[in-house]
Protein backbone atom coordinates (compact mmCIF):
# COMPACT_ATOMS: atom_id res chain seq x y z
CA MET A 1 19.02 -36.46 11.27
CA ARG A 2 18.91 -33.00 12.81
CA GLN A 3 20.86 -31.61 10.01
CA MET A 4 18.53 -33.09 7.41
CA LEU A 5 15.54 -31.56 9.20
CA LEU A 6 17.20 -28.22 9.41
CA LEU A 7 18.14 -28.32 5.73
CA ALA A 8 14.47 -29.22 4.86
CA LEU A 9 13.21 -26.27 7.00
CA LEU A 10 15.67 -23.84 5.29
CA ILE A 11 14.58 -25.11 1.89
CA GLY A 12 10.97 -24.56 2.88
CA LEU A 13 11.58 -21.05 4.03
CA ALA A 14 13.45 -20.21 0.90
CA ALA A 15 10.69 -21.59 -1.33
CA ALA A 16 8.17 -19.41 0.55
CA GLN A 17 9.99 -16.25 -0.55
CA LEU A 18 8.42 -14.74 -3.71
CA TYR A 19 10.28 -12.41 -6.02
CA GLU A 20 7.10 -10.63 -7.11
CA PRO A 21 4.16 -9.52 -4.99
CA PRO A 22 1.32 -12.02 -5.52
CA VAL A 23 -1.12 -9.15 -6.29
CA GLU A 24 -3.62 -11.00 -8.43
CA SER A 25 -3.89 -14.12 -6.23
CA VAL A 26 -4.33 -12.12 -3.08
CA MET A 27 -6.96 -9.90 -4.61
CA ASP A 28 -8.88 -12.92 -5.96
CA TYR A 29 -8.64 -14.63 -2.48
CA ASN A 30 -9.96 -11.48 -0.74
CA GLY A 31 -12.63 -11.02 -3.28
CA ALA A 32 -14.12 -14.41 -2.44
CA LEU A 33 -14.57 -13.61 1.31
CA GLY A 34 -17.96 -12.09 0.99
CA GLN A 35 -19.97 -14.78 2.74
CA PHE A 36 -17.33 -15.06 5.56
CA LEU A 37 -17.31 -11.23 6.09
CA ASP A 38 -21.12 -11.11 6.14
CA ASN A 39 -21.06 -13.31 9.29
CA ARG A 40 -17.92 -12.02 11.10
CA TYR A 41 -19.20 -10.94 14.44
CA ASP A 42 -16.64 -9.09 16.68
CA ASP A 43 -17.62 -9.01 20.26
CA ALA A 44 -14.86 -6.43 21.09
CA THR A 45 -16.53 -3.80 18.86
CA ALA A 46 -20.11 -4.94 19.03
CA LEU A 47 -23.07 -2.63 20.01
CA HIS A 48 -25.61 -4.09 22.39
CA SER A 49 -29.28 -3.52 22.88
CA THR A 50 -32.56 -5.26 23.69
CA VAL A 51 -35.81 -5.97 21.75
CA GLN A 52 -38.84 -6.16 23.89
CA ILE A 53 -41.28 -8.77 22.71
CA GLN A 54 -44.79 -7.84 24.09
CA PHE A 55 -47.43 -10.46 23.99
CA ASN A 56 -51.25 -9.85 23.80
CA ASN A 57 -51.75 -10.05 27.58
CA GLY A 58 -49.03 -7.49 28.13
CA ARG A 59 -46.27 -9.82 29.18
CA LEU A 60 -42.79 -8.79 28.08
CA LEU A 61 -39.96 -11.02 26.85
CA PRO A 62 -36.68 -9.08 26.47
CA LEU A 63 -34.28 -10.48 23.83
CA PRO A 64 -30.69 -9.28 23.70
CA VAL A 65 -29.34 -8.25 20.42
CA ASP A 66 -25.71 -7.54 19.47
CA ALA A 67 -24.08 -6.62 16.15
CA SER A 68 -20.79 -5.24 14.85
CA VAL A 69 -19.68 -3.47 11.70
CA ASN A 70 -15.96 -2.91 11.08
CA VAL A 71 -13.87 -1.62 8.10
CA ALA A 72 -11.80 -4.76 7.79
CA GLY A 73 -9.28 -3.81 5.17
CA MET A 74 -8.63 -3.45 1.43
CA SER A 75 -8.49 -6.33 -1.07
CA LEU A 76 -4.85 -5.28 -1.68
CA MET A 77 -2.67 -4.72 1.30
CA LEU A 78 1.16 -4.60 1.11
CA ASP A 79 3.07 -3.81 4.23
CA ASN A 80 -0.01 -2.40 5.87
CA ALA A 81 -0.62 -0.05 2.93
CA THR A 82 -2.79 -0.26 -0.23
CA TYR A 83 -2.33 0.65 -3.83
CA PRO A 84 -4.96 1.94 -6.42
CA ALA A 85 -4.88 -1.24 -8.51
CA SER A 86 -7.71 -2.15 -10.86
CA GLY A 87 -10.49 -3.95 -8.94
CA LEU A 88 -9.35 -2.52 -5.52
CA SER A 89 -12.23 -3.13 -3.09
CA LEU A 90 -13.08 -2.02 0.53
CA LEU A 91 -13.77 -5.11 2.79
CA VAL A 92 -16.27 -4.79 5.57
CA ALA A 93 -16.78 -7.34 8.37
CA LYS A 94 -20.25 -7.36 9.95
CA GLY A 95 -22.13 -9.88 12.03
CA ALA A 96 -24.83 -10.29 14.70
CA ARG A 97 -25.96 -12.30 17.63
CA GLN A 98 -29.66 -12.24 18.47
CA GLY A 99 -31.45 -13.55 21.48
CA HIS A 100 -34.16 -16.16 20.78
CA MET A 101 -37.39 -17.52 22.30
CA TRP A 102 -35.98 -20.64 23.99
CA ALA A 103 -38.30 -23.34 25.18
CA SER A 104 -38.97 -23.63 28.86
CA PRO A 105 -36.46 -25.88 30.77
CA GLY A 106 -36.43 -29.44 29.69
CA SER A 107 -34.87 -31.83 27.25
CA PRO A 108 -34.13 -31.31 24.41
CA GLU A 109 -33.29 -27.63 24.34
CA PHE A 110 -34.61 -25.84 21.34
CA ILE A 111 -35.70 -22.41 19.97
CA CYS A 112 -39.39 -21.96 19.69
CA ASN A 113 -39.58 -21.31 15.91
CA TYR A 114 -41.52 -22.80 13.08
CA SER A 115 -38.96 -25.47 11.98
CA SER A 116 -38.74 -26.83 15.68
CA LEU A 117 -42.55 -26.88 16.20
CA TYR A 118 -43.58 -28.04 12.80
CA PRO A 119 -40.81 -30.51 11.97
CA ASP A 120 -43.01 -32.47 9.43
CA GLY A 121 -45.50 -29.77 8.62
CA SER A 122 -47.85 -30.40 11.60
CA LEU A 123 -47.60 -28.95 15.12
CA ASP A 124 -45.61 -31.02 17.61
CA THR A 125 -47.98 -30.69 20.58
CA THR A 126 -45.36 -31.99 23.10
CA ARG A 127 -43.03 -29.26 22.17
CA ALA A 128 -45.76 -26.61 21.92
CA GLN A 129 -46.48 -27.07 25.69
CA ARG A 130 -42.93 -25.58 26.30
CA CYS A 131 -43.53 -22.60 24.14
CA ASP A 132 -46.37 -20.87 25.77
CA PHE A 133 -44.67 -17.60 26.84
CA ASP A 134 -47.64 -15.75 27.91
CA GLN A 135 -49.46 -18.59 29.78
CA ASP A 136 -52.64 -18.27 27.68
CA GLY A 137 -52.67 -21.92 26.57
CA CYS A 138 -51.41 -21.09 23.04
CA VAL A 139 -47.93 -21.57 21.51
CA GLU A 140 -45.80 -18.51 20.55
CA TYR A 141 -42.89 -18.87 18.22
CA GLU A 142 -40.44 -16.97 15.90
CA LEU A 143 -41.00 -16.94 12.19
CA LEU A 144 -38.17 -14.63 11.52
CA ALA A 145 -35.10 -13.19 13.40
CA GLN A 146 -32.63 -11.13 11.43
CA VAL A 147 -30.60 -7.89 11.36
CA LEU A 148 -30.46 -5.52 8.38
CA TYR A 149 -27.67 -3.07 7.81
CA THR A 150 -28.24 0.31 6.00
CA GLY A 151 -25.92 3.19 5.72
CA THR A 152 -23.47 5.17 3.64
CA VAL A 153 -19.83 4.51 2.81
CA ALA A 154 -17.72 7.57 2.31
CA PHE A 155 -14.27 7.54 0.72
CA THR A 156 -12.03 10.62 1.23
CA PHE A 157 -8.59 11.14 -0.32
CA LYS A 158 -6.97 14.56 -0.33
CA ASN A 159 -9.64 16.76 -2.01
CA ALA A 160 -11.70 13.99 -3.43
CA THR A 161 -14.66 12.52 -1.67
CA TYR A 162 -17.36 10.06 -2.76
CA SER A 163 -20.25 8.42 -0.97
CA THR A 164 -22.01 5.27 -1.94
CA PRO A 165 -24.77 3.10 -0.25
CA PHE A 166 -23.58 0.37 2.21
CA THR A 167 -24.93 -2.56 0.41
CA SER A 168 -22.37 -5.35 0.62
CA SER A 169 -19.26 -6.59 2.56
CA ILE A 170 -17.26 -6.06 -0.55
CA LEU A 171 -17.33 -2.63 -2.17
CA PRO A 172 -15.17 -2.28 -5.37
CA LEU A 173 -13.73 1.22 -5.61
CA SER A 174 -13.46 0.87 -9.39
CA MET A 175 -17.11 0.35 -9.74
CA SER A 176 -18.71 2.27 -6.84
CA THR A 177 -16.50 5.34 -7.03
CA PRO A 178 -15.71 7.78 -9.77
CA PRO A 179 -12.37 7.75 -11.52
CA GLY A 180 -11.47 10.86 -9.48
CA ILE A 181 -10.79 8.81 -6.30
CA LEU A 182 -8.45 6.30 -7.94
CA ALA A 183 -6.85 8.94 -10.07
CA GLN A 184 -6.01 10.93 -6.91
CA MET A 185 -4.78 7.81 -5.16
CA LYS A 186 -2.19 7.26 -7.86
CA THR A 187 -0.66 10.63 -7.01
CA SER A 188 -0.25 9.72 -3.34
CA SER A 189 3.21 10.54 -1.99
CA GLY A 190 3.37 7.02 -0.38
CA ALA A 191 2.49 8.50 2.94
CA ASP A 192 -1.00 10.01 2.23
CA LEU A 193 -4.09 8.49 3.77
CA LEU A 194 -7.40 7.18 2.32
CA ASN A 195 -10.24 7.36 4.85
CA ALA A 196 -13.05 4.93 4.62
CA SER A 197 -16.01 5.46 6.93
CA ILE A 198 -19.40 3.92 7.27
CA VAL A 199 -22.33 5.57 9.08
CA GLY A 200 -25.66 3.68 9.31
CA THR A 201 -28.24 1.72 11.20
CA MET A 202 -28.50 -1.88 12.35
CA ARG A 203 -32.21 -2.84 12.37
CA PHE A 204 -33.03 -5.86 14.45
CA ILE A 205 -36.28 -7.54 13.27
CA TYR A 206 -38.37 -10.30 14.88
CA TYR A 207 -41.52 -11.74 13.26
CA ILE A 208 -43.50 -13.36 16.03
CA ASN A 209 -46.65 -15.46 15.89
CA ASP A 210 -48.39 -14.66 19.21
CA ARG A 211 -51.27 -17.07 18.96
CA GLU A 212 -54.44 -15.90 20.72
CA ASP A 213 -56.38 -17.96 23.27
CA ALA A 214 -59.60 -17.90 21.22
CA GLY A 215 -58.99 -21.02 19.23
CA CYS A 216 -55.26 -20.17 19.20
CA ALA A 217 -55.49 -18.25 15.98
CA ASP A 218 -52.42 -17.01 14.30
CA ASN A 219 -51.57 -13.43 15.27
CA TYR A 220 -48.36 -12.06 13.62
CA HIS A 221 -46.44 -9.05 14.90
CA TYR A 222 -43.16 -7.33 13.96
CA PHE A 223 -40.89 -6.16 16.72
CA THR A 224 -37.92 -4.03 15.76
CA LYS A 225 -35.10 -2.07 17.28
CA ASN A 226 -32.80 0.37 15.48
CA VAL A 227 -29.24 0.91 16.66
CA SER A 228 -26.96 3.56 15.01
CA PHE A 229 -23.32 2.78 14.26
CA SER A 230 -20.25 4.41 12.81
CA THR A 231 -16.82 3.05 11.86
CA SER A 232 -13.86 4.28 10.00
CA ARG A 233 -10.28 3.46 9.17
CA ASP A 234 -7.38 5.15 7.40
CA PHE A 235 -5.14 3.38 4.91
CA THR A 236 -1.70 4.49 3.83
CA VAL A 237 -1.66 4.66 -0.07
CA PHE A 238 1.30 4.00 -2.33
CA GLY A 239 1.31 6.19 -5.36
CA ALA A 240 2.51 5.53 -8.91
CA ASN A 241 4.73 8.42 -9.84
CA LYS A 242 8.54 8.51 -9.94
CA LEU A 243 11.17 11.23 -10.62
CA TYR A 244 14.59 10.39 -12.02
CA PHE A 245 17.89 12.26 -11.62
CA LEU A 246 21.21 11.49 -13.08
CA ARG A 247 23.74 11.90 -10.32
CA ALA A 248 26.84 11.09 -12.33
CA PRO A 249 27.89 12.14 -14.82
CA VAL A 250 25.78 15.28 -14.21
CA LEU A 251 26.57 16.80 -17.66
CA ARG A 252 26.08 13.39 -19.42
CA GLU A 253 29.74 13.41 -20.48
CA GLN A 254 32.61 11.71 -18.66
CA TRP A 255 36.14 10.28 -18.71
CA PHE A 256 35.92 6.74 -20.16
CA ARG A 257 38.29 5.22 -17.48
CA ASP A 258 35.77 6.04 -14.74
CA ASN A 259 32.37 5.49 -16.48
CA ARG A 260 29.44 6.00 -14.07
CA PHE A 261 25.68 5.66 -14.33
CA ASP A 262 24.58 6.76 -10.82
CA THR A 263 20.98 7.64 -10.49
CA ILE A 264 18.58 8.89 -7.92
CA ILE A 265 14.90 7.96 -8.02
CA LEU A 266 12.17 9.69 -5.95
CA SER A 267 9.21 7.25 -5.76
CA GLN A 268 5.73 7.28 -4.33
CA GLY A 269 5.85 3.64 -3.46
CA PRO A 270 8.55 1.13 -2.46
CA LEU A 271 10.52 -0.53 -5.30
CA TYR A 272 11.13 -4.21 -5.26
CA HIS A 273 13.22 -4.76 -8.35
CA ALA A 274 15.59 -2.91 -10.69
CA ASP A 275 17.36 -3.73 -13.94
CA ILE A 276 20.28 -1.82 -15.57
CA TYR A 277 20.67 -1.84 -19.24
CA LEU A 278 23.72 -0.91 -21.46
CA ASN A 279 22.67 -0.21 -25.07
CA GLY A 280 19.56 -2.41 -24.58
CA ASN A 281 21.41 -5.33 -22.98
CA ARG A 282 20.62 -6.15 -19.36
CA THR A 283 23.93 -6.00 -17.47
CA ARG A 284 22.66 -5.84 -13.80
CA ASN A 285 19.61 -6.95 -12.02
CA LEU A 286 18.77 -6.14 -8.43
CA THR A 287 16.28 -7.82 -6.20
CA LEU A 288 15.37 -5.22 -3.60
CA ARG A 289 12.64 -7.08 -1.77
CA THR A 290 11.10 -10.56 -1.58
CA PHE A 291 7.58 -11.30 -0.57
CA ASP A 292 5.34 -13.66 1.34
CA THR A 293 1.70 -13.64 2.43
CA ARG A 294 -0.01 -13.80 5.83
CA THR A 295 -3.53 -13.90 7.15
CA GLY A 296 -4.51 -10.65 8.83
CA PRO A 297 -7.58 -9.51 10.78
CA TYR A 298 -10.90 -11.10 9.72
CA GLY A 299 -9.10 -13.68 7.56
CA ILE A 300 -7.97 -11.14 5.03
CA GLN A 301 -4.79 -12.14 3.10
CA GLU A 302 -2.03 -9.55 3.06
CA ILE A 303 1.32 -9.23 1.34
CA ILE A 304 4.50 -8.61 3.46
CA SER A 305 7.91 -7.84 2.10
CA TYR A 306 11.48 -8.54 3.23
CA PRO A 307 14.23 -6.11 2.17
CA ALA A 308 17.18 -7.66 0.26
CA SER A 309 20.76 -6.41 0.41
CA PRO A 310 22.49 -6.53 -2.99
CA ASP A 311 25.33 -4.09 -3.55
CA GLY A 312 24.88 -0.90 -5.51
CA TRP A 313 21.64 0.64 -4.17
CA SER A 314 20.21 2.31 -1.06
CA GLU A 315 16.74 3.31 0.24
CA ARG A 316 15.67 6.15 2.36
CA ILE A 317 12.10 6.72 3.65
CA GLY A 318 11.22 10.33 4.23
CA LEU A 319 8.96 12.83 2.44
CA ALA A 320 10.50 14.97 -0.31
CA THR A 321 8.69 17.65 -2.26
CA PRO A 322 11.04 18.87 -5.11
CA THR A 323 8.65 21.59 -6.37
CA GLN A 324 11.31 23.44 -8.30
CA LEU A 325 12.29 20.24 -10.21
CA GLU A 326 9.07 18.97 -11.56
CA SER A 327 6.10 20.35 -13.46
CA ARG A 328 3.54 19.12 -10.82
CA ASN A 329 3.41 19.62 -7.07
CA TYR A 330 3.92 15.99 -6.10
CA SER A 331 5.69 14.65 -2.96
CA PHE A 332 7.65 11.42 -2.75
CA ALA A 333 8.04 9.26 0.39
CA TYR A 334 10.91 6.96 -0.99
CA THR A 335 14.45 7.94 -2.17
CA TYR A 336 16.57 5.43 -3.96
CA GLU A 337 20.21 5.72 -5.09
CA PHE A 338 21.67 3.30 -7.61
CA SER A 339 25.47 3.08 -8.42
CA TYR A 340 26.78 1.38 -11.56
CA GLY A 341 30.09 1.42 -13.38
CA TYR A 342 30.79 0.22 -16.89
CA GLU A 343 33.40 0.21 -19.65
CA GLY A 344 33.46 1.64 -23.11
CA LEU A 345 34.28 4.69 -25.23
CA GLY A 346 31.76 6.83 -27.18
CA GLN A 347 28.03 7.32 -26.82
CA ASN A 348 26.00 4.74 -24.89
CA VAL A 349 22.44 4.44 -23.80
CA LEU A 350 22.15 3.62 -20.17
CA SER A 351 18.70 2.59 -18.78
CA ILE A 352 17.26 1.74 -15.50
CA ALA A 353 13.95 -0.23 -15.20
CA VAL A 354 12.20 -0.45 -11.87
CA LYS A 355 9.16 -2.33 -10.56
CA GLY A 356 6.80 -0.90 -7.99
CA PRO A 357 4.21 -2.36 -5.53
CA ALA A 358 1.49 -3.29 -7.96
CA LEU A 359 3.73 -4.74 -10.72
CA ASP A 360 3.97 -1.27 -12.36
CA ASP A 361 7.00 -1.30 -14.62
CA GLU A 362 8.79 1.84 -15.60
CA ARG A 363 12.01 2.60 -17.53
CA HIS A 364 14.25 5.60 -17.65
CA ASP A 365 16.99 6.20 -20.35
CA GLU A 366 20.07 8.40 -20.51
CA VAL A 367 22.41 9.04 -23.41
CA ILE A 368 25.97 9.36 -22.07
CA LEU A 369 29.14 10.20 -23.97
CA SER A 370 32.45 8.74 -22.68
CA ARG A 371 35.65 10.37 -23.99
CA ALA A 372 39.40 9.80 -23.69
CA LEU A 373 41.84 12.60 -22.86
CA SER A 374 44.29 13.85 -25.57
CA TYR A 375 47.47 15.94 -25.77
CA ASN A 376 49.12 17.94 -28.43
CA GLY A 377 45.84 18.25 -30.15
CA ALA A 378 46.57 15.16 -32.11
CA THR A 379 46.98 11.96 -29.97
CA ALA A 380 44.52 10.38 -27.57
CA GLU A 381 45.68 8.79 -24.26
CA THR A 382 45.02 5.49 -25.82
CA GLY A 383 47.80 6.08 -28.31
CA GLU A 384 45.50 6.40 -31.24
CA PRO A 385 44.94 9.57 -33.35
CA ALA A 386 42.62 11.90 -31.49
CA SER A 387 40.40 12.09 -34.58
CA SER A 388 39.73 8.47 -34.58
CA VAL A 389 38.41 8.04 -31.12
CA PRO A 390 35.92 10.04 -29.02
CA SER A 391 38.31 12.31 -27.06
CA ARG A 392 38.37 15.68 -25.51
CA PRO A 393 40.32 18.12 -27.55
CA SER A 394 43.54 19.65 -26.28
CA ALA A 395 45.64 22.70 -27.40
CA ALA A 396 48.79 22.05 -29.36
CA PHE A 397 52.03 23.62 -27.85
CA GLN A 398 55.04 25.22 -29.58
CA GLN A 399 58.70 25.61 -28.43
CA ASP A 400 59.67 29.07 -27.44
CA TYR A 401 62.44 30.87 -25.59
CA MET A 402 62.27 33.34 -22.77
CA ALA A 403 63.25 36.83 -23.92
CA SER A 404 66.27 38.56 -22.15
CA MET A 405 65.26 41.32 -19.70
CA GLU A 406 67.30 44.27 -18.48
CA LEU A 407 67.30 44.78 -14.70
CA VAL A 408 67.90 48.51 -14.72
CA LEU A 409 65.04 49.46 -12.54
CA GLY A 410 66.01 46.78 -10.09
CA LEU A 411 69.50 47.98 -9.82
CA LEU A 412 68.45 51.51 -9.30
CA ALA A 413 66.22 50.42 -6.51
CA LEU A 414 69.02 48.56 -4.87
CA LEU A 415 71.36 51.70 -5.12
CA PHE A 416 68.67 53.83 -3.56
CA LEU A 417 68.26 51.45 -0.59
CA LEU A 418 71.91 51.20 0.06
CA SER A 419 72.27 55.05 0.07
CA PHE A 420 69.43 55.26 2.56
CA VAL A 421 70.99 52.69 4.84
CA ASN A 422 74.45 54.42 4.72
CA LEU A 423 72.86 57.74 5.50
CA TRP A 424 71.08 56.27 8.47
CA LEU A 425 74.36 54.72 9.83
CA LEU A 426 76.25 57.99 9.60
CA LYS A 427 73.72 59.68 11.93
């Protein structure tokens, strides 16, 4: 029984792993969080104040007010970073708690507002007796209690900055910002930061009917309190650019018995899949990451990845800026190495296709010539005529004989040496 439960658990865990990041479903889910984010009060970051309700006879009723505004996240978050996908939005969580004009002690407890005192359109006199706050014999009650948020949202990335009014809990960058911001974000190294900041005012409003004692006539007043706030957050941004290098064979020509297609890719974002093609036919596929989703702060859905470990590739994270090897001054936070061997003589087209964090596909092709060795200028190492297979030419050789040499100078030198030795011995 335990084994069956364990097997079911493992099957469930395997089924939860996704082979592509669920970008669209996550963005759709987060895009529908507007109403929830509009009422997401956070006591840990809330600002606190008091609105003084002053009645006609000078009596004061202090009402506590609290509200919070926080940059909650982006509609697309992958491993705590974002990506400039179409429809990318900033998500803001805001909420308030306002004190109210509670009826004097008794049962039931209720707030002195219009709906409580006029349940059927006429005044409930029993309840009205418990809502005389200034002791003038007339009922006082709330007609409105709300908080309004005004302010400016500023996006800053590298040298691009844009500001837009703070009007909603969901602010699409594709609509509220010019193309400059998203275009700049697509050049992020994979470690650059987008700053989103909001500066504004929370305006607490009460609309009170302070009925006067002369016939208890209606007497409406607004009471307000403004509280300034500011909040900001940095987001790591994955870019879209990649740079390809052929590591082996460097000169795109090689010995056919050791065919290699080894590539290095500098990427501005993590890769999750790679395919290798030989003459248009896929011969190797590599799953580099699998994915799952989780619920982050404020109920926002995020994508998380789990590295896979197939053979033939490696990943290194660290900033690289190959300014002498590219036309633009881009930096890359991710370095990948792929190793692949294959068989075949002649010219072949080798390709590597990779997928990035936002389902962005890219393919790089190389034309590589594989040759056999030859000898005597005529025969390939395969035993075939060198002219019939791709082979590296070799020089033909001819039989020759070493010419005779006279050693006269050598003998003279030897005689001179012996004479010198004999003279030295005689002394």
